[in-house]
C-alpha atoms as a PDB file:
ATOM      1  CA  MET A   1      60.149 -26.906 217.043  1.00  0.00           C
ATOM      2  CA  TYR A   2      57.790 -27.476 214.109  1.00  0.00           C
ATOM      3  CA  LEU A   3      58.507 -26.270 210.564  1.00  0.00           C
ATOM      4  CA  PHE A   4      55.555 -25.112 208.444  1.00  0.00           C
ATOM      5  CA  ILE A   5      55.574 -24.737 204.670  1.00  0.00           C
ATOM      6  CA  VAL A   6      52.472 -22.764 203.686  1.00  0.00           C
ATOM      7  CA  ASN A   7      51.551 -22.525 200.010  1.00  0.00           C
ATOM      8  CA  LEU A   8      48.849 -19.885 199.608  1.00  0.00           C
ATOM      9  CA  GLN A   9      48.646 -20.588 195.875  1.00  0.00           C
ATOM     10  CA  SER A  10      48.178 -24.347 196.157  1.00  0.00           C
ATOM     11  CA  GLY A  11      44.496 -24.333 195.317  1.00  0.00           C
ATOM     12  CA  ASN A  12      42.114 -24.097 198.252  1.00  0.00           C
ATOM     13  CA  LYS A  13      40.308 -20.769 198.583  1.00  0.00           C
ATOM     14  CA  ASN A  14      40.345 -21.093 202.384  1.00  0.00           C
ATOM     15  CA  THR A  15      44.082 -21.704 202.759  1.00  0.00           C
ATOM     16  CA  LEU A  16      44.865 -18.307 204.311  1.00  0.00           C
ATOM     17  CA  LYS A  17      41.903 -18.565 206.696  1.00  0.00           C
ATOM     18  CA  ASN A  18      42.878 -22.104 207.732  1.00  0.00           C
ATOM     19  CA  TRP A  19      46.509 -21.168 208.245  1.00  0.00           C
ATOM     20  CA  ALA A  20      45.491 -18.202 210.397  1.00  0.00           C
ATOM     21  CA  ALA A  21      43.451 -20.560 212.571  1.00  0.00           C
ATOM     22  CA  ILE A  22      46.319 -23.058 212.833  1.00  0.00           C
ATOM     23  CA  GLU A  23      48.825 -20.327 213.667  1.00  0.00           C
ATOM     24  CA  LYS A  24      46.589 -18.938 216.417  1.00  0.00           C
ATOM     25  CA  LEU A  25      46.221 -22.392 217.962  1.00  0.00           C
ATOM     26  CA  LEU A  26      49.992 -22.864 217.950  1.00  0.00           C
ATOM     27  CA  ILE A  27      50.597 -19.472 219.558  1.00  0.00           C
ATOM     28  CA  ASP A  28      47.859 -19.991 222.158  1.00  0.00           C
ATOM     29  CA  GLN A  29      49.428 -23.312 223.172  1.00  0.00           C
ATOM     30  CA  HIS A  30      52.967 -21.846 223.182  1.00  0.00           C
ATOM     31  CA  ILE A  31      54.154 -24.259 220.493  1.00  0.00           C
ATOM     32  CA  SER A  32      57.534 -23.371 218.995  1.00  0.00           C
ATOM     33  CA  PHE A  33      57.402 -23.152 215.194  1.00  0.00           C
ATOM     34  CA  LYS A  34      58.858 -21.467 212.155  1.00  0.00           C
ATOM     35  CA  LYS A  35      57.057 -20.898 208.874  1.00  0.00           C
ATOM     36  CA  ILE A  36      57.691 -20.018 205.272  1.00  0.00           C
ATOM     37  CA  MET A  37      55.049 -18.732 202.876  1.00  0.00           C
ATOM     38  CA  SER A  38      56.196 -20.281 199.633  1.00  0.00           C
ATOM     39  CA  HIS A  39      54.941 -21.676 196.339  1.00  0.00           C
ATOM     40  CA  SER A  40      58.471 -22.087 194.970  1.00  0.00           C
ATOM     41  CA  GLN A  41      60.157 -25.472 195.081  1.00  0.00           C
ATOM     42  CA  VAL A  42      63.589 -23.827 195.243  1.00  0.00           C
ATOM     43  CA  LYS A  43      62.543 -21.529 198.103  1.00  0.00           C
ATOM     44  CA  THR A  44      60.986 -24.424 200.004  1.00  0.00           C
ATOM     45  CA  GLU A  45      64.058 -26.627 199.629  1.00  0.00           C
ATOM     46  CA  LYS A  46      66.373 -23.816 200.791  1.00  0.00           C
ATOM     47  CA  PHE A  47      64.218 -23.300 203.883  1.00  0.00           C
ATOM     48  CA  MET A  48      64.285 -27.030 204.578  1.00  0.00           C
ATOM     49  CA  SER A  49      68.041 -27.339 204.065  1.00  0.00           C
ATOM     50  CA  LYS A  50      68.755 -24.477 206.451  1.00  0.00           C
ATOM     51  CA  HIS A  51      66.661 -25.837 209.307  1.00  0.00           C
ATOM     52  CA  LEU A  52      67.456 -29.512 208.834  1.00  0.00           C
ATOM     53  CA  LEU A  53      71.098 -28.829 209.662  1.00  0.00           C
ATOM     54  CA  ASN A  54      70.027 -29.549 213.255  1.00  0.00           C
ATOM     55  CA  PRO A  55      67.425 -32.298 212.762  1.00  0.00           C
ATOM     56  CA  SER A  56      67.236 -33.133 216.470  1.00  0.00           C
ATOM     57  CA  ASP A  57      65.539 -29.766 217.009  1.00  0.00           C
ATOM     58  CA  ILE A  58      62.717 -30.550 214.546  1.00  0.00           C
ATOM     59  CA  LYS A  59      59.660 -32.408 215.836  1.00  0.00           C
ATOM     60  CA  ALA A  60      57.902 -32.435 212.445  1.00  0.00           C
ATOM     61  CA  VAL A  61      57.646 -30.663 209.103  1.00  0.00           C
ATOM     62  CA  ALA A  62      54.093 -29.615 208.249  1.00  0.00           C
ATOM     63  CA  VAL A  63      52.766 -28.790 204.790  1.00  0.00           C
ATOM     64  CA  ILE A  64      49.761 -26.532 204.344  1.00  0.00           C
ATOM     65  CA  GLY A  65      49.275 -27.137 200.660  1.00  0.00           C
ATOM     66  CA  GLY A  66      48.727 -29.706 197.964  1.00  0.00           C
ATOM     67  CA  ASP A  67      50.449 -32.789 196.603  1.00  0.00           C
ATOM     68  CA  GLY A  68      53.007 -30.755 194.655  1.00  0.00           C
ATOM     69  CA  THR A  69      54.150 -28.965 197.803  1.00  0.00           C
ATOM     70  CA  ILE A  70      54.315 -32.286 199.648  1.00  0.00           C
ATOM     71  CA  ASN A  71      56.498 -33.637 196.838  1.00  0.00           C
ATOM     72  CA  SER A  72      58.991 -30.803 197.307  1.00  0.00           C
ATOM     73  CA  VAL A  73      59.255 -31.521 201.017  1.00  0.00           C
ATOM     74  CA  ILE A  74      59.654 -35.306 200.908  1.00  0.00           C
ATOM     75  CA  GLN A  75      62.807 -35.050 198.783  1.00  0.00           C
ATOM     76  CA  GLN A  76      64.670 -34.083 201.954  1.00  0.00           C
ATOM     77  CA  LEU A  77      62.541 -35.896 204.533  1.00  0.00           C
ATOM     78  CA  ALA A  78      62.824 -39.314 202.900  1.00  0.00           C
ATOM     79  CA  ALA A  79      64.687 -41.815 205.067  1.00  0.00           C
ATOM     80  CA  THR A  80      65.007 -39.350 207.974  1.00  0.00           C
ATOM     81  CA  THR A  81      63.308 -39.766 211.337  1.00  0.00           C
ATOM     82  CA  ILE A  82      61.484 -36.442 211.017  1.00  0.00           C
ATOM     83  CA  PRO A  83      57.753 -36.958 210.440  1.00  0.00           C
ATOM     84  CA  LEU A  84      55.626 -35.159 207.870  1.00  0.00           C
ATOM     85  CA  ALA A  85      52.272 -33.564 208.742  1.00  0.00           C
ATOM     86  CA  VAL A  86      49.840 -32.607 205.979  1.00  0.00           C
ATOM     87  CA  PHE A  87      46.958 -30.155 206.064  1.00  0.00           C
ATOM     88  CA  PRO A  88      45.270 -30.532 202.657  1.00  0.00           C
ATOM     89  CA  ALA A  89      44.980 -27.255 200.763  1.00  0.00           C
ATOM     90  CA  GLY A  90      45.488 -28.176 197.111  1.00  0.00           C
ATOM     91  CA  SER A  91      43.375 -28.886 194.046  1.00  0.00           C
ATOM     92  CA  GLY A  92      43.621 -32.673 194.187  1.00  0.00           C
ATOM     93  CA  ASN A  93      44.649 -33.531 197.772  1.00  0.00           C
ATOM     94  CA  ASP A  94      45.211 -37.182 196.901  1.00  0.00           C
ATOM     95  CA  THR A  95      47.695 -37.753 199.718  1.00  0.00           C
ATOM     96  CA  ALA A  96      45.140 -36.547 202.253  1.00  0.00           C
ATOM     97  CA  ARG A  97      42.427 -38.619 200.586  1.00  0.00           C
ATOM     98  CA  MET A  98      44.445 -41.821 200.787  1.00  0.00           C
ATOM     99  CA  PHE A  99      45.348 -41.384 204.454  1.00  0.00           C
ATOM    100  CA  GLN A 100      42.046 -39.737 205.461  1.00  0.00           C
ATOM    101  CA  LEU A 101      43.759 -36.643 206.851  1.00  0.00           C
ATOM    102  CA  THR A 102      41.650 -33.905 208.400  1.00  0.00           C
ATOM    103  CA  ASP A 103      41.014 -30.460 206.929  1.00  0.00           C
ATOM    104  CA  ASN A 104      39.820 -29.063 210.264  1.00  0.00           C
ATOM    105  CA  PRO A 105      42.473 -26.710 211.746  1.00  0.00           C
ATOM    106  CA  LYS A 106      41.807 -27.537 215.406  1.00  0.00           C
ATOM    107  CA  GLU A 107      41.728 -31.279 214.804  1.00  0.00           C
ATOM    108  CA  PHE A 108      44.876 -31.017 212.697  1.00  0.00           C
ATOM    109  CA  VAL A 109      46.853 -29.275 215.452  1.00  0.00           C
ATOM    110  CA  LEU A 110      45.640 -31.682 218.140  1.00  0.00           C
ATOM    111  CA  LYS A 111      46.561 -34.745 216.062  1.00  0.00           C
ATOM    112  CA  MET A 112      49.906 -33.262 215.047  1.00  0.00           C
ATOM    113  CA  LEU A 113      50.824 -32.647 218.672  1.00  0.00           C
ATOM    114  CA  ALA A 114      49.633 -36.153 219.619  1.00  0.00           C
ATOM    115  CA  GLY A 115      52.401 -37.450 217.347  1.00  0.00           C
ATOM    116  CA  LYS A 116      50.862 -40.684 216.070  1.00  0.00           C
ATOM    117  CA  THR A 117      52.753 -41.763 212.941  1.00  0.00           C
ATOM    118  CA  THR A 118      52.818 -44.464 210.306  1.00  0.00           C
ATOM    119  CA  LEU A 119      55.809 -45.559 208.214  1.00  0.00           C
ATOM    120  CA  ILE A 120      55.082 -45.520 204.487  1.00  0.00           C
ATOM    121  CA  ASP A 121      56.798 -46.394 201.217  1.00  0.00           C
ATOM    122  CA  LEU A 122      57.786 -43.922 198.521  1.00  0.00           C
ATOM    123  CA  LEU A 123      58.182 -44.115 194.770  1.00  0.00           C
ATOM    124  CA  ASN A 124      61.608 -43.428 193.296  1.00  0.00           C
ATOM    125  CA  VAL A 125      61.082 -42.107 189.769  1.00  0.00           C
ATOM    126  CA  ASN A 126      64.290 -41.449 187.853  1.00  0.00           C
ATOM    127  CA  GLY A 127      65.913 -40.506 191.154  1.00  0.00           C
ATOM    128  CA  ARG A 128      63.079 -38.330 192.503  1.00  0.00           C
ATOM    129  CA  PHE A 129      60.739 -39.416 195.283  1.00  0.00           C
ATOM    130  CA  GLY A 130      56.961 -39.503 194.989  1.00  0.00           C
ATOM    131  CA  ILE A 131      54.253 -40.286 197.507  1.00  0.00           C
ATOM    132  CA  THR A 132      51.176 -41.027 195.365  1.00  0.00           C
ATOM    133  CA  VAL A 133      51.283 -41.990 191.672  1.00  0.00           C
ATOM    134  CA  ALA A 134      53.709 -41.632 188.775  1.00  0.00           C
ATOM    135  CA  GLY A 135      52.033 -41.541 185.380  1.00  0.00           C
ATOM    136  CA  ALA A 136      53.081 -41.234 181.759  1.00  0.00           C
ATOM    137  CA  GLY A 137      50.857 -40.619 178.766  1.00  0.00           C
ATOM    138  CA  LEU A 138      47.313 -39.333 178.797  1.00  0.00           C
ATOM    139  CA  ASP A 139      47.399 -38.657 182.531  1.00  0.00           C
ATOM    140  CA  SER A 140      50.562 -36.580 182.408  1.00  0.00           C
ATOM    141  CA  ILE A 141      49.169 -34.471 179.559  1.00  0.00           C
ATOM    142  CA  ILE A 142      45.977 -33.920 181.574  1.00  0.00           C
ATOM    143  CA  GLY A 143      48.032 -32.835 184.584  1.00  0.00           C
ATOM    144  CA  ASN A 144      50.025 -30.402 182.483  1.00  0.00           C
ATOM    145  CA  GLN A 145      46.843 -29.071 180.875  1.00  0.00           C
ATOM    146  CA  VAL A 146      45.398 -28.386 184.333  1.00  0.00           C
ATOM    147  CA  ASN A 147      48.522 -26.611 185.572  1.00  0.00           C
ATOM    148  CA  GLN A 148      48.618 -24.334 182.519  1.00  0.00           C
ATOM    149  CA  SER A 149      44.867 -23.688 182.287  1.00  0.00           C
ATOM    150  CA  PHE A 150      43.099 -20.402 183.009  1.00  0.00           C
ATOM    151  CA  TYR A 151      40.197 -22.219 184.661  1.00  0.00           C
ATOM    152  CA  LYS A 152      42.254 -23.907 187.413  1.00  0.00           C
ATOM    153  CA  SER A 153      42.488 -20.727 189.495  1.00  0.00           C
ATOM    154  CA  ILE A 154      38.763 -20.035 188.945  1.00  0.00           C
ATOM    155  CA  PHE A 155      37.703 -23.481 190.168  1.00  0.00           C
ATOM    156  CA  ASN A 156      40.177 -23.294 193.044  1.00  0.00           C
ATOM    157  CA  LYS A 157      38.622 -20.032 194.231  1.00  0.00           C
ATOM    158  CA  LEU A 158      35.200 -21.680 194.060  1.00  0.00           C
ATOM    159  CA  GLY A 159      36.483 -24.631 196.096  1.00  0.00           C
ATOM    160  CA  ILE A 160      35.878 -27.141 193.274  1.00  0.00           C
ATOM    161  CA  GLY A 161      39.445 -27.602 192.048  1.00  0.00           C
ATOM    162  CA  SER A 162      38.893 -31.233 190.999  1.00  0.00           C
ATOM    163  CA  PHE A 163      36.649 -30.039 188.132  1.00  0.00           C
ATOM    164  CA  SER A 164      39.794 -28.726 186.450  1.00  0.00           C
ATOM    165  CA  TYR A 165      40.921 -32.320 185.914  1.00  0.00           C
ATOM    166  CA  ILE A 166      37.595 -33.301 184.340  1.00  0.00           C
ATOM    167  CA  ILE A 167      37.689 -30.486 181.785  1.00  0.00           C
ATOM    168  CA  ALA A 168      41.346 -31.128 180.959  1.00  0.00           C
ATOM    169  CA  ALA A 169      40.663 -34.858 180.600  1.00  0.00           C
ATOM    170  CA  VAL A 170      37.896 -34.367 178.052  1.00  0.00           C
ATOM    171  CA  ILE A 171      40.020 -31.958 175.999  1.00  0.00           C
ATOM    172  CA  THR A 172      43.048 -34.265 176.109  1.00  0.00           C
ATOM    173  CA  LEU A 173      41.058 -37.400 175.271  1.00  0.00           C
ATOM    174  CA  LEU A 174      39.990 -35.782 172.011  1.00  0.00           C
ATOM    175  CA  THR A 175      43.503 -34.839 170.918  1.00  0.00           C
ATOM    176  CA  PHE A 176      45.994 -37.251 172.511  1.00  0.00           C
ATOM    177  CA  LYS A 177      48.036 -39.476 170.189  1.00  0.00           C
ATOM    178  CA  PRO A 178      48.675 -42.963 171.656  1.00  0.00           C
ATOM    179  CA  PHE A 179      52.242 -44.301 171.730  1.00  0.00           C
ATOM    180  CA  ASN A 180      54.081 -47.602 171.415  1.00  0.00           C
ATOM    181  CA  GLY A 181      56.719 -48.931 173.756  1.00  0.00           C
ATOM    182  CA  LYS A 182      57.877 -51.557 176.193  1.00  0.00           C
ATOM    183  CA  LEU A 183      56.963 -51.953 179.855  1.00  0.00           C
ATOM    184  CA  THR A 184      59.236 -54.133 181.978  1.00  0.00           C
ATOM    185  CA  ILE A 185      58.027 -55.254 185.413  1.00  0.00           C
ATOM    186  CA  ASP A 186      60.565 -57.172 187.539  1.00  0.00           C
ATOM    187  CA  GLY A 187      62.251 -58.394 184.361  1.00  0.00           C
ATOM    188  CA  LYS A 188      59.066 -59.444 182.561  1.00  0.00           C
ATOM    189  CA  VAL A 189      58.478 -57.539 179.311  1.00  0.00           C
ATOM    190  CA  PHE A 190      55.061 -56.286 178.195  1.00  0.00           C
ATOM    191  CA  PRO A 191      54.989 -54.857 174.634  1.00  0.00           C
ATOM    192  CA  LEU A 192      52.786 -51.756 174.380  1.00  0.00           C
ATOM    193  CA  THR A 193      50.893 -50.878 171.219  1.00  0.00           C
ATOM    194  CA  ASN A 194      48.462 -48.006 170.883  1.00  0.00           C
ATOM    195  CA  ALA A 195      49.101 -47.172 174.550  1.00  0.00           C
ATOM    196  CA  TRP A 196      47.227 -44.407 176.331  1.00  0.00           C
ATOM    197  CA  LEU A 197      48.699 -44.331 179.801  1.00  0.00           C
ATOM    198  CA  ILE A 198      50.885 -46.077 182.340  1.00  0.00           C
ATOM    199  CA  ALA A 199      50.246 -45.319 186.008  1.00  0.00           C
ATOM    200  CA  CYS A 200      52.467 -46.622 188.779  1.00  0.00           C
ATOM    201  CA  GLY A 201      50.933 -46.239 192.217  1.00  0.00           C
ATOM    202  CA  ASN A 202      52.197 -46.214 195.757  1.00  0.00           C
ATOM    203  CA  THR A 203      48.679 -45.052 196.626  1.00  0.00           C
ATOM    204  CA  ALA A 204      45.392 -45.534 194.800  1.00  0.00           C
ATOM    205  CA  TYR A 205      44.446 -42.008 193.790  1.00  0.00           C
ATOM    206  CA  TYR A 206      45.570 -39.168 191.573  1.00  0.00           C
ATOM    207  CA  GLY A 207      43.984 -36.268 189.698  1.00  0.00           C
ATOM    208  CA  GLY A 208      41.693 -35.283 192.549  1.00  0.00           C
ATOM    209  CA  GLY A 209      40.322 -38.694 193.472  1.00  0.00           C
ATOM    210  CA  LEU A 210      40.602 -40.807 190.317  1.00  0.00           C
ATOM    211  CA  ASN A 211      41.026 -44.401 191.518  1.00  0.00           C
ATOM    212  CA  ILE A 212      43.719 -45.323 189.000  1.00  0.00           C
ATOM    213  CA  CYS A 213      45.603 -47.967 191.041  1.00  0.00           C
ATOM    214  CA  PRO A 214      42.829 -49.505 193.154  1.00  0.00           C
ATOM    215  CA  HIS A 215      45.014 -52.219 194.710  1.00  0.00           C
ATOM    216  CA  ALA A 216      47.832 -49.903 195.822  1.00  0.00           C
ATOM    217  CA  LEU A 217      48.786 -49.853 199.505  1.00  0.00           C
ATOM    218  CA  PRO A 218      51.466 -47.413 200.694  1.00  0.00           C
ATOM    219  CA  SER A 219      53.111 -49.789 203.139  1.00  0.00           C
ATOM    220  CA  ASP A 220      53.308 -53.158 201.351  1.00  0.00           C
ATOM    221  CA  GLY A 221      56.590 -52.649 199.477  1.00  0.00           C
ATOM    222  CA  ILE A 222      54.860 -53.147 196.119  1.00  0.00           C
ATOM    223  CA  LEU A 223      54.297 -50.939 193.074  1.00  0.00           C
ATOM    224  CA  ASN A 224      50.853 -51.265 191.512  1.00  0.00           C
ATOM    225  CA  ILE A 225      50.811 -50.640 187.773  1.00  0.00           C
ATOM    226  CA  THR A 226      47.814 -49.809 185.598  1.00  0.00           C
ATOM    227  CA  HIS A 227      48.289 -49.659 181.845  1.00  0.00           C
ATOM    228  CA  LEU A 228      45.778 -48.828 179.148  1.00  0.00           C
ATOM    229  CA  HIS A 229      46.514 -49.856 175.581  1.00  0.00           C
ATOM    230  CA  ASN A 230      44.888 -51.350 172.472  1.00  0.00           C
ATOM    231  CA  ALA A 231      41.738 -49.323 173.134  1.00  0.00           C
ATOM    232  CA  ASN A 232      40.071 -47.023 170.640  1.00  0.00           C
ATOM    233  CA  ARG A 233      39.386 -43.361 171.400  1.00  0.00           C
ATOM    234  CA  LEU A 234      35.605 -43.650 171.664  1.00  0.00           C
ATOM    235  CA  ASN A 235      35.895 -46.562 174.089  1.00  0.00           C
ATOM    236  CA  VAL A 236      38.301 -44.587 176.277  1.00  0.00           C
ATOM    237  CA  LEU A 237      36.137 -41.462 176.173  1.00  0.00           C
ATOM    238  CA  PHE A 238      32.692 -42.952 176.702  1.00  0.00           C
ATOM    239  CA  ARG A 239      33.254 -46.241 178.552  1.00  0.00           C
ATOM    240  CA  LEU A 240      36.544 -46.195 180.451  1.00  0.00           C
ATOM    241  CA  PHE A 241      36.888 -42.588 181.547  1.00  0.00           C
ATOM    242  CA  PRO A 242      33.353 -42.216 183.020  1.00  0.00           C
ATOM    243  CA  HIS A 243      34.067 -45.182 185.321  1.00  0.00           C
ATOM    244  CA  LEU A 244      37.274 -43.518 186.470  1.00  0.00           C
ATOM    245  CA  LEU A 245      35.456 -40.245 187.160  1.00  0.00           C
ATOM    246  CA  ARG A 246      33.001 -42.073 189.406  1.00  0.00           C
ATOM    247  CA  GLY A 247      35.921 -43.351 191.472  1.00  0.00           C
ATOM    248  CA  SER A 248      35.351 -46.908 190.306  1.00  0.00           C
ATOM    249  CA  PRO A 249      38.180 -49.313 189.424  1.00  0.00           C
ATOM    250  CA  VAL A 250      38.184 -49.751 185.657  1.00  0.00           C
ATOM    251  CA  THR A 251      38.016 -53.389 184.575  1.00  0.00           C
ATOM    252  CA  ARG A 252      37.028 -53.027 180.953  1.00  0.00           C
ATOM    253  CA  GLU A 253      38.858 -54.217 177.849  1.00  0.00           C
ATOM    254  CA  GLY A 254      42.217 -52.546 177.342  1.00  0.00           C
ATOM    255  CA  VAL A 255      42.959 -51.953 181.035  1.00  0.00           C
ATOM    256  CA  PHE A 256      45.590 -54.165 182.670  1.00  0.00           C
ATOM    257  CA  TYR A 257      46.705 -54.359 186.299  1.00  0.00           C
ATOM    258  CA  ASN A 258      50.111 -55.618 187.426  1.00  0.00           C
ATOM    259  CA  ALA A 259      52.362 -55.351 190.458  1.00  0.00           C
ATOM    260  CA  GLY A 260      56.099 -55.479 191.139  1.00  0.00           C
ATOM    261  CA  LYS A 261      59.052 -53.795 192.775  1.00  0.00           C
ATOM    262  CA  GLU A 262      60.826 -52.330 189.748  1.00  0.00           C
ATOM    263  CA  ILE A 263      59.579 -51.112 186.394  1.00  0.00           C
ATOM    264  CA  THR A 264      61.051 -49.478 183.329  1.00  0.00           C
ATOM    265  CA  LEU A 265      59.076 -47.781 180.582  1.00  0.00           C
ATOM    266  CA  GLU A 266      60.529 -47.159 177.135  1.00  0.00           C
ATOM    267  CA  THR A 267      58.495 -45.397 174.456  1.00  0.00           C
ATOM    268  CA  ASN A 268      58.809 -44.631 170.760  1.00  0.00           C
ATOM    269  CA  ARG A 269      58.754 -40.898 171.516  1.00  0.00           C
ATOM    270  CA  PRO A 270      59.427 -38.896 174.683  1.00  0.00           C
ATOM    271  CA  ILE A 271      56.334 -38.937 176.901  1.00  0.00           C
ATOM    272  CA  PRO A 272      56.120 -36.489 179.828  1.00  0.00           C
ATOM    273  CA  ALA A 273      55.654 -38.061 183.247  1.00  0.00           C
ATOM    274  CA  ILE A 274      53.914 -36.745 186.342  1.00  0.00           C
ATOM    275  CA  VAL A 275      54.834 -37.506 189.936  1.00  0.00           C
ATOM    276  CA  ASP A 276      52.388 -36.331 192.605  1.00  0.00           C
ATOM    277  CA  GLY A 277      50.549 -34.283 189.987  1.00  0.00           C
ATOM    278  CA  GLU A 278      53.622 -32.427 188.694  1.00  0.00           C
ATOM    279  CA  ILE A 279      55.547 -33.047 185.486  1.00  0.00           C
ATOM    280  CA  THR A 280      59.100 -33.717 186.618  1.00  0.00           C
ATOM    281  CA  THR A 281      60.639 -35.934 183.927  1.00  0.00           C
ATOM    282  CA  SER A 282      59.865 -37.894 180.758  1.00  0.00           C
ATOM    283  CA  THR A 283      60.365 -41.379 179.367  1.00  0.00           C
ATOM    284  CA  PRO A 284      62.375 -43.529 179.603  1.00  0.00           C
ATOM    285  CA  LEU A 285      61.341 -44.128 183.216  1.00  0.00           C
ATOM    286  CA  HIS A 286      62.918 -46.249 185.886  1.00  0.00           C
ATOM    287  CA  ILE A 287      60.666 -46.631 188.936  1.00  0.00           C
ATOM    288  CA  THR A 288      61.395 -48.515 192.136  1.00  0.00           C
ATOM    289  CA  ILE A 289      59.809 -48.693 195.564  1.00  0.00           C
ATOM    290  CA  ARG A 290      61.634 -47.243 198.568  1.00  0.00           C
ATOM    291  CA  GLU A 291      60.219 -49.227 201.460  1.00  0.00           C
ATOM    292  CA  LYS A 292      59.433 -47.577 204.810  1.00  0.00           C
ATOM    293  CA  ALA A 293      61.017 -44.339 203.664  1.00  0.00           C
ATOM    294  CA  LEU A 294      58.804 -41.695 205.302  1.00  0.00           C
ATOM    295  CA  LEU A 295      57.189 -41.126 208.675  1.00  0.00           C
ATOM    296  CA  LEU A 296      53.718 -39.637 208.159  1.00  0.00           C
ATOM    297  CA  LEU A 297      51.797 -38.047 211.012  1.00  0.00           C
ATOM    298  CA  LEU A 298      48.221 -39.320 211.115  1.00  0.00           C
ATOM    299  CA  THR A 299      46.449 -35.998 211.271  1.00  0.00           C
END
């Protein structure tokens, strides 16, 4: 049996149409499945808990939604032998982007049934798992701005959800107050002054395709860290951010790349942190890599 978590509010205007096509294909091929239509983390986790009592009966858990919905599901799938299938239907879809997952319903079902998987690492951020990037600072404020904005639903209906991140970024860049702190990577301390953001990637992308951790690979057992500090506002707004929007790795002054297996971030004031596009905690942060923690179906 396959479990499906379908989030009709996750961002893509065609989610209901795509799910209807997927459901028809499953029924036509006599595939056993159960579904839940949910945009609530609590509701999703209750559904998962109920059906995972007999894990041997579950062939895979499939998410029809975005990175936030995926995040809810992996909390219980991590370190199990049950694979995850993803049909991208969110605003950012950075998980699907990194693994080049299809958004064609027929191809998705065929690949899901074929069962080809890969074993990937996960982030552990203050005790919560993440699949893409954890970020604190400017990026987390942008993510929160998007989630609370009136224009997110408008752009989602138009099928251009990533534009929400661009608008929120410009607004936030004009108002964000940099912070000071200390970043520790595998015991080595990096003082932070006038810091704008810290991003810790298991994968390269967040925010709908922004290539924030260009060297990140989700199966190498390494955290890739990008930190931006000692840069003035105009430089960030007009030189650094445009490169990021184009999907280019940013190599200009003020941007630093590091890698390690364990990081801590301490700041002079609480800074909200995003994991897979959702604010889940705040500094101080303790982030480690959980190697080979999740089976992902290559759909």
